Amino acid sequence: AGCWMRSPVAVACLQSQGGTIKMRTGVVACFTICTAMLASAAPLAAQTGEGFQVERYGVELRPDLASGAVSGRETITIEATGADLRALVFSPNALTISDALVDREPAAVTSGEDGIVFSLPRAKQPGAAVELSFAFSGFPKRGVTLTPAGMHTGYFACDWMVCLQNAPGDKADLELDLFLPQGSDSLGVGERYATLDLPGALVLHRYRSLAETSPYLFGFAAGDYPAETVETPQGTLHYLNATGEPADLSDLFAQTPEMVAFFAQRSGLDLPGGSYAQLLVPGREAQETMSFSLIGKGELDREREDPSSAWIIAHELAHQWWGNAVTTQTWRDFWLNEGFATFMVAAWEQHRYGEAAYQQELDVFRDRREQLRERGWDKPLAWSGDYPSLGYRRAVQYSKGALFLATLREEIGDEQFWSGVRAYTRAHAGGTVTSVDFQRAMEEASGRDLAAIFDEWVFGEDGTEG
């Protein structure tokens, strides 16, 4: 998850983490909440559930749009994968968990910094199905933002529900029931398949994912959102305004339909899920979820001074294909999400504004890699060690990842490169990938052995993944 932001605030954010990579014209990489992201994603190894696989999350959620509090009930369907499974451990959060049941029997639950632990009444063996349910309430520590128009979430789904935050490869179905005041608009993962009036001036908005989704991509938004809808040959676009102030949505998002057509052509797939929403929010926030993105008004205002940049809209949109539909199996190969989205912005600029715009982006990537080299820190893209700061990590996974794709494109030629990208994207849409999957797709498309260039850029000179 993430975005490239041209912001002095982001510079300070990186510097506070013990190091930064100098950026041209103030262009830096920054997460929506950089310090929290560092803490949550520092380990690159997969953090799947120990001894189990989540099949489905079902959440009945009552968000308080005025205070940011949440309450409700959640049901998680699980398959045991380890022998003698005796506990289910999920990512920690600040919510109060109560009335826990495992297969309808009372279960003990403890919550601390190491996670939320549900004890099973009896040990489970591989293949056994488990149904966990519980009530929750409280104020999420992260991931929930209040605006004059309502409430939205970004990245930290496991702070407003119980899930596995750092398990990108553990995709699962999501069913989300939002209990909202009458007159509220909403966004959620997948499709809203029902809207039901309830007593007490409430309306139930029912969402379900259209494909298994990584929990870090779960999200919702609710409030009073003026909206516009645009139909394209690749799917339906929705523009919504959460700033609480008037905004010309069709003007702000004017480039989106053409971007959708470009990314669909390059990926070989129409818009995943058939629709996509862009929620205009105050400030410089930018973040993708499975079905919509948060787009900061402050970033769009800045970009209007240079229409050829279009970074925020293009980067978050590209993630609908590379990152959301095709998701890295572990954080080690996270460059397959972020390097791809970063490169696709440059490719879009080349398509829309010409070769000079493309080369300008590549120059930025080259400069960041050179800074890494000067510091003796030019790591392989699939490196599995710890990064000293967010700036270093982003320089590798975003900039070097994008530069590698541009280099590979030049090495094998345009026709073979884009053919490989389409084959890779279509073959793995809805699933998870490693760097080896991408290498195989590009070798098949080019008819060449690409071990040398992948070893140099991705795996390290010895051909291993960091």
Protein backbone atom coordinates (compact mmCIF):
# COMPACT_ATOMS: atom_id res chain seq x y z
CA ALA A 1 0.00 0.00 0.00
CA GLY A 2 1.17 3.44 -0.48
CA CYS A 3 1.68 6.45 -2.64
CA TRP A 4 4.39 8.75 -3.93
CA MET A 5 3.87 12.21 -2.46
CA ARG A 6 5.56 15.49 -3.30
CA SER A 7 5.33 17.03 0.15
CA PRO A 8 7.62 18.78 2.64
CA VAL A 9 5.66 17.02 5.38
CA ALA A 10 6.74 13.70 3.91
CA VAL A 11 10.37 14.79 3.98
CA ALA A 12 10.15 15.45 7.71
CA CYS A 13 8.38 12.12 8.12
CA LEU A 14 11.26 10.27 6.51
CA GLN A 15 13.95 12.20 8.34
CA SER A 16 12.35 11.37 11.67
CA GLN A 17 12.86 7.68 10.89
CA GLY A 18 16.64 7.85 10.92
CA GLY A 19 17.51 8.52 7.31
CA THR A 20 16.19 9.57 3.96
CA ILE A 21 17.10 9.40 0.32
CA LYS A 22 17.36 12.87 -1.17
CA MET A 23 14.66 13.52 -3.74
CA ARG A 24 14.66 15.86 -6.73
CA THR A 25 12.24 18.79 -6.38
CA GLY A 26 10.98 17.48 -3.08
CA VAL A 27 9.60 14.24 -4.50
CA VAL A 28 9.59 11.69 -1.71
CA ALA A 29 7.91 8.44 -0.87
CA CYS A 30 5.57 8.45 2.06
CA PHE A 31 2.86 6.25 3.53
CA THR A 32 -0.30 7.83 4.82
CA ILE A 33 1.02 7.32 8.34
CA CYS A 34 4.70 6.61 7.85
CA THR A 35 5.75 5.86 11.40
CA ALA A 36 2.98 3.32 11.89
CA MET A 37 3.74 1.70 8.56
CA LEU A 38 7.37 1.21 9.52
CA ALA A 39 6.33 -0.55 12.70
CA SER A 40 3.75 -2.76 11.02
CA ALA A 41 5.65 -3.88 7.93
CA ALA A 42 9.27 -3.96 9.03
CA PRO A 43 9.52 -7.77 8.76
CA LEU A 44 9.57 -8.88 5.13
CA ALA A 45 8.70 -12.51 5.85
CA ALA A 46 5.08 -13.58 5.53
CA GLN A 47 3.05 -13.14 8.68
CA THR A 48 0.22 -15.53 7.96
CA GLY A 49 -1.83 -17.06 10.71
CA GLU A 50 0.21 -19.64 12.58
CA GLY A 51 -1.33 -23.01 11.76
CA PHE A 52 -4.43 -21.75 9.97
CA GLN A 53 -5.75 -20.14 6.79
CA VAL A 54 -8.59 -17.59 6.84
CA GLU A 55 -11.32 -18.33 4.31
CA ARG A 56 -13.80 -15.56 5.10
CA TYR A 57 -14.21 -12.49 7.27
CA GLY A 58 -17.78 -11.42 8.05
CA VAL A 59 -18.18 -8.09 9.85
CA GLU A 60 -21.30 -6.37 11.17
CA LEU A 61 -20.02 -2.85 11.78
CA ARG A 62 -21.63 0.13 13.47
CA PRO A 63 -19.30 3.09 12.96
CA ASP A 64 -19.93 6.34 14.85
CA LEU A 65 -19.39 8.97 12.16
CA ALA A 66 -19.05 11.72 14.76
CA SER A 67 -16.53 10.19 17.17
CA GLY A 68 -14.74 7.52 15.12
CA ALA A 69 -15.73 4.71 17.50
CA VAL A 70 -16.71 1.32 16.09
CA SER A 71 -18.69 -1.61 17.44
CA GLY A 72 -20.19 -4.78 16.08
CA ARG A 73 -19.75 -8.48 15.68
CA GLU A 74 -17.35 -10.44 13.51
CA THR A 75 -17.34 -14.01 12.27
CA ILE A 76 -14.17 -15.56 10.82
CA THR A 77 -14.18 -18.87 8.94
CA ILE A 78 -10.87 -20.70 9.16
CA GLU A 79 -9.23 -23.89 7.95
CA ALA A 80 -6.60 -25.47 10.19
CA THR A 81 -3.29 -26.10 8.41
CA GLY A 82 -1.09 -27.18 11.32
CA ALA A 83 -1.29 -30.19 13.59
CA ASP A 84 -2.83 -29.75 17.04
CA LEU A 85 -3.97 -26.18 16.45
CA ARG A 86 -4.86 -24.81 19.88
CA ALA A 87 -5.04 -21.04 19.40
CA LEU A 88 -5.83 -18.45 16.73
CA VAL A 89 -3.59 -15.39 16.83
CA PHE A 90 -4.48 -12.21 14.95
CA SER A 91 -2.86 -8.79 14.66
CA PRO A 92 -3.08 -6.63 17.79
CA ASN A 93 -5.41 -3.65 18.03
CA ALA A 94 -6.96 -1.37 20.64
CA LEU A 95 -10.50 -2.79 20.49
CA THR A 96 -12.26 -4.57 23.35
CA ILE A 97 -13.10 -8.16 22.38
CA SER A 98 -15.91 -10.00 24.18
CA ASP A 99 -18.38 -12.89 23.89
CA ALA A 100 -15.97 -15.04 21.87
CA LEU A 101 -17.25 -18.33 20.49
CA VAL A 102 -15.43 -21.11 18.66
CA ASP A 103 -17.84 -23.38 16.82
CA ARG A 104 -20.54 -21.90 19.09
CA GLU A 105 -18.69 -22.85 22.28
CA PRO A 106 -17.32 -20.15 24.64
CA ALA A 107 -13.65 -19.42 24.08
CA ALA A 108 -11.09 -17.48 26.09
CA VAL A 109 -9.51 -14.42 24.48
CA THR A 110 -6.51 -12.33 25.47
CA SER A 111 -5.32 -9.16 23.81
CA GLY A 112 -1.88 -7.60 24.02
CA GLU A 113 0.99 -6.11 22.03
CA ASP A 114 1.82 -9.50 20.50
CA GLY A 115 -1.67 -10.09 19.16
CA ILE A 116 -5.25 -11.09 19.87
CA VAL A 117 -5.29 -14.75 20.97
CA PHE A 118 -8.41 -16.92 20.86
CA SER A 119 -7.96 -20.25 22.68
CA LEU A 120 -9.67 -23.24 21.10
CA PRO A 121 -11.77 -25.49 23.37
CA ARG A 122 -10.21 -28.50 21.57
CA ALA A 123 -7.17 -28.90 19.34
CA LYS A 124 -7.82 -28.96 15.59
CA GLN A 125 -6.08 -31.06 12.97
CA PRO A 126 -5.15 -30.05 9.40
CA GLY A 127 -8.21 -29.62 7.20
CA ALA A 128 -10.60 -28.98 10.07
CA ALA A 129 -12.99 -26.05 9.66
CA VAL A 130 -13.30 -23.55 12.51
CA GLU A 131 -15.86 -20.79 12.97
CA LEU A 132 -14.80 -17.98 15.29
CA SER A 133 -17.19 -15.21 16.31
CA PHE A 134 -17.01 -12.37 18.83
CA ALA A 135 -18.20 -8.87 19.66
CA PHE A 136 -15.90 -5.85 19.50
CA SER A 137 -16.03 -2.16 20.39
CA GLY A 138 -13.76 0.79 20.93
CA PHE A 139 -11.71 3.50 19.24
CA PRO A 140 -9.29 2.24 16.56
CA LYS A 141 -5.75 3.42 17.23
CA ARG A 142 -4.97 3.86 13.54
CA GLY A 143 -6.58 3.76 10.12
CA VAL A 144 -9.77 5.75 10.78
CA THR A 145 -10.06 9.37 9.68
CA LEU A 146 -12.90 11.76 10.42
CA THR A 147 -13.68 14.54 7.94
CA PRO A 148 -16.38 17.22 7.83
CA ALA A 149 -18.33 14.87 5.56
CA GLY A 150 -17.97 11.56 7.43
CA MET A 151 -15.47 8.75 8.14
CA HIS A 152 -13.06 6.79 5.98
CA THR A 153 -10.39 4.17 6.56
CA GLY A 154 -6.99 3.62 5.01
CA TYR A 155 -4.50 0.76 5.20
CA PHE A 156 -4.89 -0.35 8.85
CA ALA A 157 -8.01 -2.48 8.51
CA CYS A 158 -6.97 -4.69 11.39
CA ASP A 159 -7.36 -1.76 13.76
CA TRP A 160 -11.14 -1.43 13.15
CA MET A 161 -11.76 -5.18 12.81
CA VAL A 162 -9.83 -8.34 13.69
CA CYS A 163 -7.68 -9.72 10.88
CA LEU A 164 -4.10 -10.41 9.79
CA GLN A 165 -2.54 -7.08 8.86
CA ASN A 166 0.84 -8.29 7.65
CA ALA A 167 -0.26 -11.29 5.61
CA PRO A 168 -0.53 -10.08 2.00
CA GLY A 169 -0.62 -13.63 0.68
CA ASP A 170 -3.47 -14.71 2.98
CA LYS A 171 -6.31 -13.56 0.76
CA ALA A 172 -9.85 -14.12 1.99
CA ASP A 173 -13.43 -13.20 1.20
CA LEU A 174 -14.97 -10.24 3.03
CA GLU A 175 -18.61 -9.58 3.81
CA LEU A 176 -19.14 -6.17 5.40
CA ASP A 177 -22.46 -4.93 6.78
CA LEU A 178 -22.41 -1.21 7.55
CA PHE A 179 -25.16 0.11 9.85
CA LEU A 180 -25.39 3.81 8.96
CA PRO A 181 -27.66 6.80 9.58
CA GLN A 182 -30.31 7.40 6.94
CA GLY A 183 -29.02 9.52 4.10
CA SER A 184 -25.45 8.24 4.35
CA ASP A 185 -23.41 7.34 1.31
CA SER A 186 -20.83 4.56 1.54
CA LEU A 187 -17.97 2.72 -0.11
CA GLY A 188 -16.74 -0.79 0.61
CA VAL A 189 -14.76 -3.68 -0.82
CA GLY A 190 -16.35 -5.34 -3.83
CA GLU A 191 -20.00 -4.67 -4.54
CA ARG A 192 -22.85 -3.26 -2.50
CA TYR A 193 -25.48 -5.89 -3.14
CA ALA A 194 -28.25 -4.69 -0.82
CA THR A 195 -29.47 -1.60 1.01
CA LEU A 196 -32.09 -2.19 3.70
CA ASP A 197 -34.04 0.32 5.81
CA LEU A 198 -33.98 -0.53 9.52
CA PRO A 199 -35.77 0.79 12.61
CA GLY A 200 -34.20 3.73 14.42
CA ALA A 201 -33.43 5.75 11.28
CA LEU A 202 -30.71 3.31 10.25
CA VAL A 203 -29.89 1.86 6.85
CA LEU A 204 -27.90 -1.35 6.31
CA HIS A 205 -25.38 -1.20 3.46
CA ARG A 206 -24.27 -4.73 2.57
CA TYR A 207 -20.94 -5.32 0.77
CA ARG A 208 -19.17 -8.45 -0.40
CA SER A 209 -15.84 -8.89 -2.09
CA LEU A 210 -15.86 -10.12 -5.67
CA ALA A 211 -12.55 -11.91 -5.23
CA GLU A 212 -10.41 -13.03 -2.33
CA THR A 213 -8.62 -9.98 -0.97
CA SER A 214 -5.56 -9.28 1.19
CA PRO A 215 -6.67 -7.81 4.53
CA TYR A 216 -4.47 -4.72 4.19
CA LEU A 217 -6.74 -3.76 1.26
CA PHE A 218 -9.97 -3.90 3.27
CA GLY A 219 -11.63 -0.53 3.75
CA PHE A 220 -14.84 1.47 3.95
CA ALA A 221 -16.06 5.05 3.88
CA ALA A 222 -19.35 6.51 5.06
CA GLY A 223 -20.82 9.99 5.13
CA ASP A 224 -22.46 12.69 3.07
CA TYR A 225 -20.62 12.44 -0.25
CA PRO A 226 -21.71 14.35 -3.36
CA ALA A 227 -20.94 11.99 -6.24
CA GLU A 228 -20.66 11.63 -9.98
CA THR A 229 -20.63 8.46 -12.09
CA VAL A 230 -18.84 7.92 -15.40
CA GLU A 231 -19.27 4.88 -17.61
CA THR A 232 -16.28 3.63 -19.59
CA PRO A 233 -15.82 0.58 -21.85
CA GLN A 234 -13.61 -0.93 -19.13
CA GLY A 235 -15.96 -0.39 -16.17
CA THR A 236 -17.85 2.15 -14.07
CA LEU A 237 -16.09 5.02 -12.32
CA HIS A 238 -17.43 6.81 -9.26
CA TYR A 239 -16.10 10.15 -8.01
CA LEU A 240 -17.08 11.18 -4.47
CA ASN A 241 -16.31 14.27 -2.42
CA ALA A 242 -15.50 13.82 1.29
CA THR A 243 -13.94 17.24 1.85
CA GLY A 244 -17.12 18.97 3.01
CA GLU A 245 -16.46 21.74 0.47
CA PRO A 246 -17.64 22.18 -3.12
CA ALA A 247 -15.44 20.50 -5.73
CA ASP A 248 -15.62 19.98 -9.49
CA LEU A 249 -15.15 16.21 -9.45
CA SER A 250 -15.35 15.72 -13.21
CA ASP A 251 -12.57 18.27 -13.66
CA LEU A 252 -10.36 16.94 -10.86
CA PHE A 253 -10.61 13.36 -12.15
CA ALA A 254 -10.75 14.21 -15.85
CA GLN A 255 -7.77 11.99 -16.71
CA THR A 256 -9.09 8.89 -14.97
CA PRO A 257 -11.09 7.36 -17.87
CA GLU A 258 -8.12 7.60 -20.24
CA MET A 259 -5.84 6.13 -17.57
CA VAL A 260 -8.24 3.21 -17.07
CA ALA A 261 -8.21 2.50 -20.80
CA PHE A 262 -4.40 2.61 -20.87
CA PHE A 263 -3.89 0.32 -17.87
CA ALA A 264 -6.55 -2.09 -19.13
CA GLN A 265 -4.79 -2.34 -22.48
CA ARG A 266 -1.37 -2.85 -20.90
CA SER A 267 -2.64 -5.45 -18.43
CA GLY A 268 -4.97 -7.28 -20.78
CA LEU A 269 -7.78 -6.95 -18.23
CA ASP A 270 -10.68 -4.56 -17.83
CA LEU A 271 -11.11 -2.72 -14.55
CA PRO A 272 -11.01 -5.41 -11.82
CA GLY A 273 -14.45 -5.88 -10.31
CA GLY A 274 -16.01 -3.77 -13.05
CA SER A 275 -15.98 -0.55 -11.04
CA TYR A 276 -13.68 1.80 -9.14
CA ALA A 277 -14.27 4.81 -6.90
CA GLN A 278 -12.07 7.79 -6.10
CA LEU A 279 -12.87 9.49 -2.80
CA LEU A 280 -11.65 13.08 -2.63
CA VAL A 281 -10.44 13.73 0.93
CA PRO A 282 -8.89 16.76 2.65
CA GLY A 283 -5.13 17.20 2.79
CA ARG A 284 -2.49 15.06 1.08
CA GLU A 285 -3.68 11.58 1.98
CA ALA A 286 -3.47 8.93 -0.75
CA GLN A 287 -4.13 5.22 -0.39
CA GLU A 288 -5.59 2.35 -2.37
CA THR A 289 -8.07 -0.25 -1.17
CA MET A 290 -9.44 -3.15 -3.17
CA SER A 291 -12.26 -1.14 -4.76
CA PHE A 292 -11.57 2.53 -4.15
CA SER A 293 -8.78 4.99 -3.44
CA LEU A 294 -8.39 7.98 -1.16
CA ILE A 295 -7.16 10.98 -3.15
CA GLY A 296 -5.99 14.03 -1.20
CA LYS A 297 -7.30 17.37 -2.46
CA GLY A 298 -4.00 19.00 -1.50
CA GLU A 299 -2.09 16.67 -3.80
CA LEU A 300 -4.43 17.31 -6.72
CA ASP A 301 -4.14 21.06 -6.22
CA ARG A 302 -0.38 20.79 -6.39
CA GLU A 303 -0.43 18.52 -9.41
CA ARG A 304 -2.67 20.90 -11.33
CA GLU A 305 0.41 23.12 -11.61
CA ASP A 306 2.01 20.30 -13.64
CA PRO A 307 -0.71 18.27 -15.40
CA SER A 308 1.89 15.91 -16.89
CA SER A 309 2.67 14.48 -13.45
CA ALA A 310 -0.74 13.01 -12.45
CA TRP A 311 1.12 10.89 -9.91
CA ILE A 312 -1.50 10.32 -7.24
CA ILE A 313 -4.40 9.41 -9.49
CA ALA A 314 -2.31 7.18 -11.77
CA HIS A 315 -0.35 5.42 -9.01
CA GLU A 316 -3.38 4.50 -6.91
CA LEU A 317 -5.36 3.47 -9.99
CA ALA A 318 -2.54 1.24 -11.24
CA HIS A 319 -2.74 -0.69 -7.98
CA GLN A 320 -6.16 -2.02 -8.96
CA TRP A 321 -4.24 -4.33 -11.32
CA TRP A 322 -0.74 -4.52 -9.78
CA GLY A 323 -1.03 -4.92 -6.02
CA ASN A 324 -4.75 -5.60 -5.63
CA ALA A 325 -5.70 -8.09 -8.37
CA VAL A 326 -2.14 -9.45 -8.54
CA THR A 327 -0.70 -9.34 -5.02
CA THR A 328 2.76 -10.10 -3.73
CA GLN A 329 2.81 -13.30 -1.68
CA THR A 330 5.09 -11.78 0.98
CA TRP A 331 6.51 -8.34 1.77
CA ARG A 332 9.87 -9.55 0.40
CA ASP A 333 8.53 -9.23 -3.16
CA PHE A 334 6.64 -6.00 -2.42
CA TRP A 335 8.38 -4.37 -5.39
CA LEU A 336 5.95 -6.35 -7.58
CA ASN A 337 3.21 -4.12 -6.13
CA GLU A 338 4.94 -0.79 -5.77
CA GLY A 339 7.63 -0.98 -8.43
CA PHE A 340 4.95 -1.89 -10.94
CA ALA A 341 2.61 0.93 -9.93
CA THR A 342 5.50 3.41 -10.01
CA PHE A 343 6.66 2.25 -13.43
CA MET A 344 3.12 2.34 -14.80
CA VAL A 345 2.85 6.02 -13.89
CA ALA A 346 5.94 6.67 -16.00
CA ALA A 347 4.52 4.54 -18.81
CA TRP A 348 1.28 6.51 -18.63
CA GLU A 349 3.17 9.79 -18.84
CA GLN A 350 5.02 8.49 -21.90
CA HIS A 351 1.71 7.52 -23.52
CA ARG A 352 -0.05 10.79 -22.69
CA TYR A 353 2.73 13.40 -22.71
CA GLY A 354 5.58 11.92 -24.72
CA GLU A 355 9.06 10.48 -24.37
CA ALA A 356 10.49 13.45 -22.48
CA ALA A 357 8.01 12.96 -19.63
CA TYR A 358 8.94 9.26 -19.44
CA GLN A 359 12.64 9.95 -19.40
CA GLN A 360 12.18 12.58 -16.70
CA GLU A 361 10.66 9.94 -14.42
CA LEU A 362 13.45 7.47 -15.23
CA ASP A 363 16.00 10.14 -14.34
CA VAL A 364 14.41 10.40 -10.89
CA PHE A 365 14.63 6.62 -10.45
CA ARG A 366 18.27 6.61 -11.58
CA ASP A 367 19.13 9.39 -9.16
CA ARG A 368 17.60 7.52 -6.23
CA ARG A 369 19.47 4.35 -7.11
CA GLU A 370 22.71 6.29 -7.38
CA GLN A 371 22.13 7.68 -3.89
CA LEU A 372 21.75 4.11 -2.64
CA ARG A 373 25.01 3.14 -4.27
CA GLU A 374 26.82 6.12 -2.72
CA ARG A 375 25.69 4.85 0.67
CA GLY A 376 26.75 1.28 -0.13
CA TRP A 377 23.15 0.16 0.14
CA ASP A 378 21.97 -0.95 -3.31
CA LYS A 379 20.06 -4.07 -2.23
CA PRO A 380 18.34 -6.61 -4.54
CA LEU A 381 14.63 -6.03 -5.09
CA ALA A 382 13.76 -9.31 -3.33
CA TRP A 383 16.03 -8.60 -0.38
CA SER A 384 14.64 -10.05 2.86
CA GLY A 385 16.58 -8.05 5.43
CA ASP A 386 15.62 -5.04 7.54
CA TYR A 387 15.74 -1.55 6.06
CA PRO A 388 17.29 1.26 8.14
CA SER A 389 14.50 3.67 7.20
CA LEU A 390 11.39 4.03 5.11
CA GLY A 391 13.33 6.19 2.67
CA TYR A 392 15.76 3.37 1.87
CA ARG A 393 12.97 0.82 1.51
CA ARG A 394 11.02 3.04 -0.87
CA ALA A 395 14.11 3.83 -2.93
CA VAL A 396 14.58 0.09 -3.47
CA GLN A 397 11.04 -1.22 -3.83
CA TYR A 398 9.52 1.75 -5.65
CA SER A 399 12.30 3.51 -7.59
CA LYS A 400 14.70 0.65 -8.26
CA GLY A 401 11.73 -1.63 -8.96
CA ALA A 402 10.40 0.81 -11.56
CA LEU A 403 13.88 1.31 -13.04
CA PHE A 404 14.32 -2.46 -13.38
CA LEU A 405 11.06 -2.72 -15.34
CA ALA A 406 12.20 0.09 -17.64
CA THR A 407 15.56 -1.63 -18.09
CA LEU A 408 13.92 -4.99 -18.79
CA ARG A 409 11.65 -3.31 -21.33
CA GLU A 410 14.69 -1.92 -23.16
CA GLU A 411 16.51 -5.25 -22.94
CA ILE A 412 13.81 -7.45 -24.50
CA GLY A 413 11.90 -4.90 -26.59
CA ASP A 414 8.51 -3.26 -26.33
CA GLU A 415 6.42 -5.97 -27.95
CA GLN A 416 7.87 -8.78 -25.85
CA PHE A 417 7.81 -6.70 -22.66
CA TRP A 418 4.16 -5.73 -22.84
CA SER A 419 3.19 -9.21 -23.99
CA GLY A 420 4.88 -10.58 -20.87
CA VAL A 421 3.20 -8.02 -18.61
CA ARG A 422 -0.21 -8.96 -20.01
CA ALA A 423 0.44 -12.68 -19.65
CA TYR A 424 1.72 -12.25 -16.08
CA THR A 425 -1.21 -10.06 -15.02
CA ARG A 426 -3.90 -12.22 -16.57
CA ALA A 427 -2.43 -15.49 -15.32
CA HIS A 428 -2.18 -14.33 -11.70
CA ALA A 429 -5.20 -11.99 -11.34
CA GLY A 430 -6.98 -12.89 -8.11
CA GLY A 431 -3.93 -14.68 -6.75
CA THR A 432 -0.51 -14.04 -5.26
CA VAL A 433 2.92 -13.94 -6.86
CA THR A 434 6.64 -14.08 -6.27
CA SER A 435 9.48 -12.63 -8.32
CA VAL A 436 10.00 -16.05 -9.89
CA ASP A 437 6.47 -15.95 -11.34
CA PHE A 438 7.26 -12.67 -13.06
CA GLN A 439 10.59 -13.94 -14.37
CA ARG A 440 8.93 -17.00 -15.90
CA ALA A 441 6.29 -14.88 -17.63
CA MET A 442 8.89 -12.55 -19.13
CA GLU A 443 11.11 -15.45 -20.25
CA GLU A 444 8.19 -17.10 -21.99
CA ALA A 445 7.17 -13.85 -23.70
CA SER A 446 10.69 -13.02 -24.83
CA GLY A 447 11.86 -16.54 -25.60
CA ARG A 448 15.05 -15.78 -23.67
CA ASP A 449 16.81 -16.91 -20.54
CA LEU A 450 16.64 -13.83 -18.30
CA ALA A 451 18.41 -15.32 -15.29
CA ALA A 452 21.35 -12.93 -15.54
CA ILE A 453 19.35 -9.70 -15.45
CA PHE A 454 17.00 -11.01 -12.74
CA ASP A 455 19.96 -12.16 -10.65
CA GLU A 456 21.56 -8.73 -11.01
CA TRP A 457 18.48 -6.69 -10.12
CA VAL A 458 16.06 -8.91 -8.20
CA PHE A 459 17.77 -11.82 -6.45
CA GLY A 460 21.35 -10.70 -6.02
CA GLU A 461 24.40 -11.78 -7.95
CA ASP A 462 24.30 -15.30 -6.48
CA GLY A 463 20.75 -15.81 -7.74
CA THR A 464 19.16 -16.05 -4.30
CA GLU A 465 16.36 -13.89 -2.93
CA GLY A 466 18.33 -11.72 -0.56
